[in-house]
Amino acid sequence: MLMLIVNFGRIFDSNSFSGPIPDTIGFAQKLQTLQLDNNKLSGNIPININSLSGLCVLDLSNNSFTPSTAPSWFSTLTSLNSLAMENTQLTGQIPGGLFALDQIKQVLVNNPLCQSAKYSNNLYCQSQQKHLPPYSTSLANCKSASCTGTQKLNPRSCTCAYPFSGSGSSSSISKAAVAGIAVGGCIILIAIALLTVYGLKQRRKVREAAAIASPFASWGSSGKDNGTAPQLKGIRCFTFEELKKCSGYFSENNEIGEGGYGKVYKGYLTDGVAVAIK
């Protein structure tokens, strides 16, 4: 069932409303737009729509109304500038006064009356005609309609609405701007890559410098702390046999002194370098 609470305009198309249109629709004296198309409304088309003297747009298309002749108010509602009654089971004759309204755009396609030879070739019985009139900025069709406050008349529906004000701006980006953004992005990526390489090189240099400054080459043959004694850099290990040969088998002739941990002997390495052996 359809219940209407109306003021200046109501658009209820495609809502699956059913039942008849309430007779109280005739009390909405200020109604200017009424769109009830594409519902499941039934019963008779109300005759008291003729009391809606300010109605500008009416669309009752594609409902299941009881077959009836075209209502007389077709030609008496002089404020209408758009009338759509497609597939509403209209029969009989069309009131001649309807064609005297130059401003009105009407659609009556898919009604039994359009099947008669009298009307079948008329524009309003052809499916290519649009339901609503093209947009116009002229207020001539709105006649004496007026709005309160800062609202303005909509020249298409003659309803009141708050106008939009402001200047539009284009959101498109020029090719030059896109190219600039792409080049800038590439430069940033290259700079990040160079900084990363530089940072890695500096880190390696720091490690090398720390290794040179350290008195220990490593803590083992594998370079890790494996429990062995640290190996001093620049130090050569000799066997006991090598030390005996270098010192002339610890000859007393090569004895050059004595310390807290034993005697000190003079010796010569195989390359002739003189050393002290303790």
C-alpha atoms as a PDB file:
ATOM      1  CA  MET A   1       0.000   0.000   0.000  1.00  0.00           C
ATOM      2  CA  LEU A   2       1.258   3.479  -0.860  1.00  0.00           C
ATOM      3  CA  MET A   3       1.062   6.313   1.663  1.00  0.00           C
ATOM      4  CA  LEU A   4       2.094   9.755   0.475  1.00  0.00           C
ATOM      5  CA  ILE A   5       3.406  12.620   2.554  1.00  0.00           C
ATOM      6  CA  VAL A   6       4.041  15.366   0.055  1.00  0.00           C
ATOM      7  CA  ASN A   7       5.194  18.947  -0.113  1.00  0.00           C
ATOM      8  CA  PHE A   8       6.885  20.392  -3.209  1.00  0.00           C
ATOM      9  CA  GLY A   9       8.001  17.117  -4.812  1.00  0.00           C
ATOM     10  CA  ARG A  10       8.221  13.378  -4.266  1.00  0.00           C
ATOM     11  CA  ILE A  11      10.171  10.804  -6.279  1.00  0.00           C
ATOM     12  CA  PHE A  12       9.143   7.239  -5.420  1.00  0.00           C
ATOM     13  CA  ASP A  13      10.068   5.384  -8.606  1.00  0.00           C
ATOM     14  CA  SER A  14      11.213   1.731  -8.533  1.00  0.00           C
ATOM     15  CA  ASN A  15      10.172   1.015  -4.927  1.00  0.00           C
ATOM     16  CA  SER A  16       7.816  -1.948  -5.522  1.00  0.00           C
ATOM     17  CA  PHE A  17       4.859  -0.006  -4.078  1.00  0.00           C
ATOM     18  CA  SER A  18       1.520  -1.777  -4.520  1.00  0.00           C
ATOM     19  CA  GLY A  19      -2.145  -0.903  -4.154  1.00  0.00           C
ATOM     20  CA  PRO A  20      -4.014   2.163  -5.396  1.00  0.00           C
ATOM     21  CA  ILE A  21      -2.817   5.735  -5.261  1.00  0.00           C
ATOM     22  CA  PRO A  22      -4.580   7.373  -2.258  1.00  0.00           C
ATOM     23  CA  ASP A  23      -7.370   9.804  -3.089  1.00  0.00           C
ATOM     24  CA  THR A  24      -5.753  12.224  -0.646  1.00  0.00           C
ATOM     25  CA  ILE A  25      -3.189  12.968  -3.343  1.00  0.00           C
ATOM     26  CA  GLY A  26      -5.539  15.746  -4.423  1.00  0.00           C
ATOM     27  CA  PHE A  27      -4.926  17.612  -1.152  1.00  0.00           C
ATOM     28  CA  ALA A  28      -1.268  18.223  -2.007  1.00  0.00           C
ATOM     29  CA  GLN A  29      -1.960  21.583  -3.576  1.00  0.00           C
ATOM     30  CA  LYS A  30       1.723  22.619  -3.640  1.00  0.00           C
ATOM     31  CA  LEU A  31       3.008  19.401  -5.197  1.00  0.00           C
ATOM     32  CA  GLN A  32       5.219  20.157  -8.209  1.00  0.00           C
ATOM     33  CA  THR A  33       6.900  16.807  -8.942  1.00  0.00           C
ATOM     34  CA  LEU A  34       5.378  13.329  -8.628  1.00  0.00           C
ATOM     35  CA  GLN A  35       7.243  10.286  -9.931  1.00  0.00           C
ATOM     36  CA  LEU A  36       5.676   6.896  -9.141  1.00  0.00           C
ATOM     37  CA  ASP A  37       6.942   4.999 -12.186  1.00  0.00           C
ATOM     38  CA  ASN A  38       8.162   1.393 -12.144  1.00  0.00           C
ATOM     39  CA  ASN A  39       6.114   0.251  -9.146  1.00  0.00           C
ATOM     40  CA  LYS A  40       3.233  -2.220  -8.756  1.00  0.00           C
ATOM     41  CA  LEU A  41       0.440   0.287  -8.271  1.00  0.00           C
ATOM     42  CA  SER A  42      -3.086  -0.825  -9.199  1.00  0.00           C
ATOM     43  CA  GLY A  43      -6.664   0.479  -9.235  1.00  0.00           C
ATOM     44  CA  ASN A  44      -7.847   3.563 -11.059  1.00  0.00           C
ATOM     45  CA  ILE A  45      -5.726   6.576 -11.846  1.00  0.00           C
ATOM     46  CA  PRO A  46      -7.064   9.235  -9.438  1.00  0.00           C
ATOM     47  CA  ILE A  47      -9.212  11.846 -11.139  1.00  0.00           C
ATOM     48  CA  ASN A  48      -8.501  14.427  -8.434  1.00  0.00           C
ATOM     49  CA  ILE A  49      -4.960  14.879  -9.748  1.00  0.00           C
ATOM     50  CA  ASN A  50      -6.594  17.748 -11.644  1.00  0.00           C
ATOM     51  CA  SER A  51      -6.534  19.730  -8.393  1.00  0.00           C
ATOM     52  CA  LEU A  52      -2.714  19.764  -8.389  1.00  0.00           C
ATOM     53  CA  SER A  53      -2.576  23.072 -10.177  1.00  0.00           C
ATOM     54  CA  GLY A  54       1.159  23.562  -9.630  1.00  0.00           C
ATOM     55  CA  LEU A  55       2.242  20.128 -10.882  1.00  0.00           C
ATOM     56  CA  CYS A  56       5.148  20.350 -13.358  1.00  0.00           C
ATOM     57  CA  VAL A  57       6.402  16.754 -13.640  1.00  0.00           C
ATOM     58  CA  LEU A  58       4.214  13.627 -13.499  1.00  0.00           C
ATOM     59  CA  ASP A  59       5.401  10.086 -14.205  1.00  0.00           C
ATOM     60  CA  LEU A  60       3.083   7.113 -13.549  1.00  0.00           C
ATOM     61  CA  SER A  61       4.687   4.767 -16.093  1.00  0.00           C
ATOM     62  CA  ASN A  62       4.950   0.979 -15.821  1.00  0.00           C
ATOM     63  CA  ASN A  63       2.307   0.218 -13.204  1.00  0.00           C
ATOM     64  CA  SER A  64      -0.710  -2.122 -13.185  1.00  0.00           C
ATOM     65  CA  PHE A  65      -3.584   0.355 -13.246  1.00  0.00           C
ATOM     66  CA  THR A  66      -7.105  -0.666 -14.232  1.00  0.00           C
ATOM     67  CA  PRO A  67      -7.611  -0.042 -17.980  1.00  0.00           C
ATOM     68  CA  SER A  68      -9.308   3.325 -18.412  1.00  0.00           C
ATOM     69  CA  THR A  69      -9.644   6.194 -20.823  1.00  0.00           C
ATOM     70  CA  ALA A  70      -7.166   9.030 -20.727  1.00  0.00           C
ATOM     71  CA  PRO A  71      -8.158  11.287 -17.811  1.00  0.00           C
ATOM     72  CA  SER A  72      -9.494  14.751 -18.544  1.00  0.00           C
ATOM     73  CA  TRP A  73      -6.837  16.440 -16.474  1.00  0.00           C
ATOM     74  CA  PHE A  74      -4.361  15.649 -19.263  1.00  0.00           C
ATOM     75  CA  SER A  75      -5.357  18.959 -20.822  1.00  0.00           C
ATOM     76  CA  THR A  76      -6.384  20.971 -17.747  1.00  0.00           C
ATOM     77  CA  LEU A  77      -3.050  20.876 -15.881  1.00  0.00           C
ATOM     78  CA  THR A  78      -1.478  23.747 -17.759  1.00  0.00           C
ATOM     79  CA  SER A  79       1.557  23.802 -15.443  1.00  0.00           C
ATOM     80  CA  LEU A  80       2.756  20.391 -16.694  1.00  0.00           C
ATOM     81  CA  ASN A  81       5.983  20.357 -18.685  1.00  0.00           C
ATOM     82  CA  SER A  82       6.587  16.592 -18.479  1.00  0.00           C
ATOM     83  CA  LEU A  83       3.939  13.876 -18.598  1.00  0.00           C
ATOM     84  CA  ALA A  84       4.941  10.191 -18.719  1.00  0.00           C
ATOM     85  CA  MET A  85       2.183   7.555 -18.765  1.00  0.00           C
ATOM     86  CA  GLU A  86       4.000   4.686 -20.465  1.00  0.00           C
ATOM     87  CA  ASN A  87       2.344   1.268 -20.098  1.00  0.00           C
ATOM     88  CA  THR A  88      -0.531   2.439 -17.888  1.00  0.00           C
ATOM     89  CA  GLN A  89      -3.424   0.693 -19.763  1.00  0.00           C
ATOM     90  CA  LEU A  90      -4.812   3.906 -21.292  1.00  0.00           C
ATOM     91  CA  THR A  91      -7.549   3.402 -23.888  1.00  0.00           C
ATOM     92  CA  GLY A  92      -9.928   5.503 -25.947  1.00  0.00           C
ATOM     93  CA  GLN A  93      -9.269   9.057 -27.049  1.00  0.00           C
ATOM     94  CA  ILE A  94      -6.635  11.566 -25.933  1.00  0.00           C
ATOM     95  CA  PRO A  95      -8.077  14.913 -24.841  1.00  0.00           C
ATOM     96  CA  GLY A  96      -7.458  17.327 -27.668  1.00  0.00           C
ATOM     97  CA  GLY A  97      -6.394  20.091 -25.315  1.00  0.00           C
ATOM     98  CA  LEU A  98      -3.244  18.131 -24.496  1.00  0.00           C
ATOM     99  CA  PHE A  99      -1.731  19.012 -27.854  1.00  0.00           C
ATOM    100  CA  ALA A 100      -2.383  22.707 -27.291  1.00  0.00           C
ATOM    101  CA  LEU A 101       0.169  22.753 -24.478  1.00  0.00           C
ATOM    102  CA  ASP A 102       3.313  23.569 -26.444  1.00  0.00           C
ATOM    103  CA  GLN A 103       5.676  23.268 -23.522  1.00  0.00           C
ATOM    104  CA  ILE A 104       4.669  19.764 -22.448  1.00  0.00           C
ATOM    105  CA  LYS A 105       6.705  16.649 -23.215  1.00  0.00           C
ATOM    106  CA  GLN A 106       4.541  13.558 -23.082  1.00  0.00           C
ATOM    107  CA  VAL A 107       5.219   9.808 -23.302  1.00  0.00           C
ATOM    108  CA  LEU A 108       2.275   7.460 -23.776  1.00  0.00           C
ATOM    109  CA  VAL A 109       4.042   4.521 -25.430  1.00  0.00           C
ATOM    110  CA  ASN A 110       2.895   0.914 -24.805  1.00  0.00           C
ATOM    111  CA  ASN A 111      -0.712   1.860 -24.115  1.00  0.00           C
ATOM    112  CA  PRO A 112      -3.700   0.355 -25.993  1.00  0.00           C
ATOM    113  CA  LEU A 113      -4.619   3.761 -27.408  1.00  0.00           C
ATOM    114  CA  CYS A 114      -1.252   3.925 -29.197  1.00  0.00           C
ATOM    115  CA  GLN A 115      -2.192   0.829 -31.173  1.00  0.00           C
ATOM    116  CA  SER A 116      -4.915   2.665 -33.032  1.00  0.00           C
ATOM    117  CA  ALA A 117      -4.135   4.096 -36.446  1.00  0.00           C
ATOM    118  CA  LYS A 118      -5.046   7.546 -35.171  1.00  0.00           C
ATOM    119  CA  TYR A 119      -2.181   7.761 -32.690  1.00  0.00           C
ATOM    120  CA  SER A 120       0.362   5.071 -33.623  1.00  0.00           C
ATOM    121  CA  ASN A 121       2.556   7.412 -35.685  1.00  0.00           C
ATOM    122  CA  ASN A 122       2.563  10.274 -33.199  1.00  0.00           C
ATOM    123  CA  LEU A 123       5.787  11.022 -31.338  1.00  0.00           C
ATOM    124  CA  TYR A 124       4.314  10.459 -27.898  1.00  0.00           C
ATOM    125  CA  CYS A 125       3.486   6.861 -28.863  1.00  0.00           C
ATOM    126  CA  GLN A 126       7.018   6.087 -30.009  1.00  0.00           C
ATOM    127  CA  SER A 127       9.546   4.522 -27.636  1.00  0.00           C
ATOM    128  CA  GLN A 128      12.440   6.748 -28.608  1.00  0.00           C
ATOM    129  CA  GLN A 129      10.884   9.768 -26.898  1.00  0.00           C
ATOM    130  CA  LYS A 130      12.383  10.545 -23.519  1.00  0.00           C
ATOM    131  CA  HIS A 131      10.347  10.820 -20.343  1.00  0.00           C
ATOM    132  CA  LEU A 132      11.780  14.121 -19.191  1.00  0.00           C
ATOM    133  CA  PRO A 133      12.313  17.304 -21.178  1.00  0.00           C
ATOM    134  CA  PRO A 134      15.813  18.524 -21.972  1.00  0.00           C
ATOM    135  CA  TYR A 135      17.319  20.758 -19.358  1.00  0.00           C
ATOM    136  CA  SER A 136      16.585  24.426 -19.759  1.00  0.00           C
ATOM    137  CA  THR A 137      17.462  27.494 -17.742  1.00  0.00           C
ATOM    138  CA  SER A 138      14.211  29.228 -18.691  1.00  0.00           C
ATOM    139  CA  LEU A 139      11.656  29.718 -15.917  1.00  0.00           C
ATOM    140  CA  ALA A 140       8.816  30.444 -18.331  1.00  0.00           C
ATOM    141  CA  ASN A 141       7.158  27.091 -17.669  1.00  0.00           C
ATOM    142  CA  CYS A 142       7.121  27.683 -13.927  1.00  0.00           C
ATOM    143  CA  LYS A 143       4.718  30.573 -14.331  1.00  0.00           C
ATOM    144  CA  SER A 144       4.014  32.183 -10.908  1.00  0.00           C
ATOM    145  CA  ALA A 145       5.876  29.618  -8.802  1.00  0.00           C
ATOM    146  CA  SER A 146       8.267  31.155  -6.290  1.00  0.00           C
ATOM    147  CA  CYS A 147      10.626  30.053  -3.520  1.00  0.00           C
ATOM    148  CA  THR A 148      11.317  31.370  -0.042  1.00  0.00           C
ATOM    149  CA  GLY A 149      14.640  32.368   1.486  1.00  0.00           C
ATOM    150  CA  THR A 150      17.752  31.583  -0.535  1.00  0.00           C
ATOM    151  CA  GLN A 151      16.159  28.720  -2.486  1.00  0.00           C
ATOM    152  CA  LYS A 152      15.836  29.011  -6.259  1.00  0.00           C
ATOM    153  CA  LEU A 153      13.479  27.452  -8.780  1.00  0.00           C
ATOM    154  CA  ASN A 154      14.709  24.413 -10.682  1.00  0.00           C
ATOM    155  CA  PRO A 155      13.849  25.265 -14.316  1.00  0.00           C
ATOM    156  CA  ARG A 156      13.405  21.579 -15.145  1.00  0.00           C
ATOM    157  CA  SER A 157      10.970  20.533 -12.405  1.00  0.00           C
ATOM    158  CA  CYS A 158       9.884  23.977 -11.122  1.00  0.00           C
ATOM    159  CA  THR A 159      10.745  22.816  -7.595  1.00  0.00           C
ATOM    160  CA  CYS A 160      12.661  24.824  -5.026  1.00  0.00           C
ATOM    161  CA  ALA A 161      16.247  23.933  -4.133  1.00  0.00           C
ATOM    162  CA  TYR A 162      19.379  25.527  -2.764  1.00  0.00           C
ATOM    163  CA  PRO A 163      21.611  26.574  -5.681  1.00  0.00           C
ATOM    164  CA  PHE A 164      25.220  25.475  -5.961  1.00  0.00           C
ATOM    165  CA  SER A 165      27.740  28.270  -6.125  1.00  0.00           C
ATOM    166  CA  GLY A 166      31.465  28.128  -6.637  1.00  0.00           C
ATOM    167  CA  SER A 167      34.000  27.675  -9.375  1.00  0.00           C
ATOM    168  CA  GLY A 168      35.002  24.315 -10.742  1.00  0.00           C
ATOM    169  CA  SER A 169      38.584  23.262 -11.028  1.00  0.00           C
ATOM    170  CA  SER A 170      40.139  20.697 -13.298  1.00  0.00           C
ATOM    171  CA  SER A 171      41.596  17.662 -11.618  1.00  0.00           C
ATOM    172  CA  SER A 172      43.494  16.524 -14.683  1.00  0.00           C
ATOM    173  CA  ILE A 173      47.295  16.541 -14.630  1.00  0.00           C
ATOM    174  CA  SER A 174      49.233  17.658 -17.671  1.00  0.00           C
ATOM    175  CA  LYS A 175      51.727  15.385 -19.382  1.00  0.00           C
ATOM    176  CA  ALA A 176      54.557  17.703 -18.360  1.00  0.00           C
ATOM    177  CA  ALA A 177      53.571  17.358 -14.702  1.00  0.00           C
ATOM    178  CA  VAL A 178      53.431  13.564 -15.004  1.00  0.00           C
ATOM    179  CA  ALA A 179      56.855  13.528 -16.666  1.00  0.00           C
ATOM    180  CA  GLY A 180      58.268  15.785 -13.950  1.00  0.00           C
ATOM    181  CA  ILE A 181      56.928  13.527 -11.206  1.00  0.00           C
ATOM    182  CA  ALA A 182      58.408  10.458 -12.930  1.00  0.00           C
ATOM    183  CA  VAL A 183      61.842  12.081 -13.348  1.00  0.00           C
ATOM    184  CA  GLY A 184      61.806  13.287  -9.748  1.00  0.00           C
ATOM    185  CA  GLY A 185      60.948   9.794  -8.530  1.00  0.00           C
ATOM    186  CA  CYS A 186      63.821   8.283 -10.539  1.00  0.00           C
ATOM    187  CA  ILE A 187      66.279  10.818  -9.124  1.00  0.00           C
ATOM    188  CA  ILE A 188      65.182  10.014  -5.582  1.00  0.00           C
ATOM    189  CA  LEU A 189      65.613   6.275  -6.183  1.00  0.00           C
ATOM    190  CA  ILE A 190      69.101   6.782  -7.654  1.00  0.00           C
ATOM    191  CA  ALA A 191      70.079   8.977  -4.707  1.00  0.00           C
ATOM    192  CA  ILE A 192      68.891   6.323  -2.244  1.00  0.00           C
ATOM    193  CA  ALA A 193      70.886   3.637  -4.100  1.00  0.00           C
ATOM    194  CA  LEU A 194      74.059   5.761  -4.092  1.00  0.00           C
ATOM    195  CA  LEU A 195      73.691   6.523  -0.398  1.00  0.00           C
ATOM    196  CA  THR A 196      73.244   2.822   0.333  1.00  0.00           C
ATOM    197  CA  VAL A 197      76.408   1.883  -1.598  1.00  0.00           C
ATOM    198  CA  TYR A 198      78.377   4.675   0.086  1.00  0.00           C
ATOM    199  CA  GLY A 199      77.179   3.551   3.505  1.00  0.00           C
ATOM    200  CA  LEU A 200      78.241  -0.040   2.849  1.00  0.00           C
ATOM    201  CA  LYS A 201      81.688   1.083   1.685  1.00  0.00           C
ATOM    202  CA  GLN A 202      82.169   3.257   4.747  1.00  0.00           C
ATOM    203  CA  ARG A 203      81.136   0.393   6.986  1.00  0.00           C
ATOM    204  CA  ARG A 204      83.692  -1.882   5.344  1.00  0.00           C
ATOM    205  CA  LYS A 205      86.417   0.735   5.739  1.00  0.00           C
ATOM    206  CA  VAL A 206      85.612   1.081   9.431  1.00  0.00           C
ATOM    207  CA  ARG A 207      85.896  -2.664   9.878  1.00  0.00           C
ATOM    208  CA  GLU A 208      89.230  -2.761   8.031  1.00  0.00           C
ATOM    209  CA  ALA A 209      90.586   0.109  10.109  1.00  0.00           C
ATOM    210  CA  ALA A 210      89.483  -1.596  13.302  1.00  0.00           C
ATOM    211  CA  ALA A 211      91.164  -4.819  12.194  1.00  0.00           C
ATOM    212  CA  ILE A 212      94.427  -2.999  11.492  1.00  0.00           C
ATOM    213  CA  ALA A 213      94.352  -1.209  14.838  1.00  0.00           C
ATOM    214  CA  SER A 214      93.694  -4.427  16.752  1.00  0.00           C
ATOM    215  CA  PRO A 215      96.837  -6.133  18.127  1.00  0.00           C
ATOM    216  CA  PHE A 216      95.264  -9.519  17.453  1.00  0.00           C
ATOM    217  CA  ALA A 217      94.741 -11.008  14.033  1.00  0.00           C
ATOM    218  CA  SER A 218      92.142 -13.495  15.257  1.00  0.00           C
ATOM    219  CA  TRP A 219      91.209 -15.826  18.064  1.00  0.00           C
ATOM    220  CA  GLY A 220      91.862 -18.932  16.005  1.00  0.00           C
ATOM    221  CA  SER A 221      92.507 -20.246  12.559  1.00  0.00           C
ATOM    222  CA  SER A 222      88.853 -19.818  11.598  1.00  0.00           C
ATOM    223  CA  GLY A 223      88.725 -16.180  12.723  1.00  0.00           C
ATOM    224  CA  LYS A 224      86.337 -16.979  15.580  1.00  0.00           C
ATOM    225  CA  ASP A 225      86.771 -17.428  19.308  1.00  0.00           C
ATOM    226  CA  ASN A 226      87.186 -21.200  19.524  1.00  0.00           C
ATOM    227  CA  GLY A 227      89.003 -21.315  22.859  1.00  0.00           C
ATOM    228  CA  THR A 228      92.564 -21.139  21.465  1.00  0.00           C
ATOM    229  CA  ALA A 229      95.110 -18.482  22.371  1.00  0.00           C
ATOM    230  CA  PRO A 230      94.930 -15.278  20.313  1.00  0.00           C
ATOM    231  CA  GLN A 231      97.471 -14.943  17.511  1.00  0.00           C
ATOM    232  CA  LEU A 232      99.546 -11.737  17.583  1.00  0.00           C
ATOM    233  CA  LYS A 233     100.068  -9.961  14.281  1.00  0.00           C
ATOM    234  CA  GLY A 234     103.625  -9.967  12.883  1.00  0.00           C
ATOM    235  CA  ILE A 235     104.730 -12.735  15.251  1.00  0.00           C
ATOM    236  CA  ARG A 236     106.419 -15.849  13.866  1.00  0.00           C
ATOM    237  CA  CYS A 237     106.329 -19.126  15.741  1.00  0.00           C
ATOM    238  CA  PHE A 238     109.516 -21.256  15.971  1.00  0.00           C
ATOM    239  CA  THR A 239     109.976 -24.840  17.048  1.00  0.00           C
ATOM    240  CA  PHE A 240     112.322 -25.774  19.824  1.00  0.00           C
ATOM    241  CA  GLU A 241     114.688 -27.383  17.293  1.00  0.00           C
ATOM    242  CA  GLU A 242     114.843 -24.146  15.310  1.00  0.00           C
ATOM    243  CA  LEU A 243     115.681 -22.193  18.471  1.00  0.00           C
ATOM    244  CA  LYS A 244     118.508 -24.613  19.335  1.00  0.00           C
ATOM    245  CA  LYS A 245     120.070 -24.238  15.914  1.00  0.00           C
ATOM    246  CA  CYS A 246     119.755 -20.450  15.983  1.00  0.00           C
ATOM    247  CA  SER A 247     121.509 -20.251  19.396  1.00  0.00           C
ATOM    248  CA  GLY A 248     124.190 -22.842  18.610  1.00  0.00           C
ATOM    249  CA  TYR A 249     122.399 -25.345  20.775  1.00  0.00           C
ATOM    250  CA  PHE A 250     122.246 -22.828  23.611  1.00  0.00           C
ATOM    251  CA  SER A 251     126.030 -22.474  23.609  1.00  0.00           C
ATOM    252  CA  GLU A 252     127.534 -20.643  26.553  1.00  0.00           C
ATOM    253  CA  ASN A 253     129.442 -18.563  24.019  1.00  0.00           C
ATOM    254  CA  ASN A 254     126.127 -17.125  22.845  1.00  0.00           C
ATOM    255  CA  GLU A 255     124.828 -16.416  26.342  1.00  0.00           C
ATOM    256  CA  ILE A 256     124.266 -12.682  26.683  1.00  0.00           C
ATOM    257  CA  GLY A 257     122.398 -12.432  29.943  1.00  0.00           C
ATOM    258  CA  GLU A 258     120.002 -13.886  32.408  1.00  0.00           C
ATOM    259  CA  GLY A 259     116.535 -12.802  33.511  1.00  0.00           C
ATOM    260  CA  GLY A 260     113.952 -13.837  36.007  1.00  0.00           C
ATOM    261  CA  TYR A 261     112.705 -16.634  33.724  1.00  0.00           C
ATOM    262  CA  GLY A 262     116.067 -18.009  32.535  1.00  0.00           C
ATOM    263  CA  LYS A 263     119.116 -17.245  30.421  1.00  0.00           C
ATOM    264  CA  VAL A 264     119.094 -15.170  27.249  1.00  0.00           C
ATOM    265  CA  TYR A 265     121.035 -16.319  24.174  1.00  0.00           C
ATOM    266  CA  LYS A 266     122.050 -14.535  21.022  1.00  0.00           C
ATOM    267  CA  GLY A 267     121.123 -16.261  17.777  1.00  0.00           C
ATOM    268  CA  TYR A 268     120.716 -15.791  14.049  1.00  0.00           C
ATOM    269  CA  LEU A 269     117.760 -16.761  11.881  1.00  0.00           C
ATOM    270  CA  THR A 270     118.241 -18.450   8.558  1.00  0.00           C
ATOM    271  CA  ASP A 271     117.914 -15.071   6.811  1.00  0.00           C
ATOM    272  CA  GLY A 272     120.732 -13.623   8.980  1.00  0.00           C
ATOM    273  CA  VAL A 273     118.547 -11.528  11.270  1.00  0.00           C
ATOM    274  CA  ALA A 274     119.982 -11.403  14.810  1.00  0.00           C
ATOM    275  CA  VAL A 275     117.540 -12.323  17.576  1.00  0.00           C
ATOM    276  CA  ALA A 276     117.524 -12.794  21.340  1.00  0.00           C
ATOM    277  CA  ILE A 277     116.273 -16.174  22.493  1.00  0.00           C
ATOM    278  CA  LYS A 278     115.010 -16.795  25.962  1.00  0.00           C
END
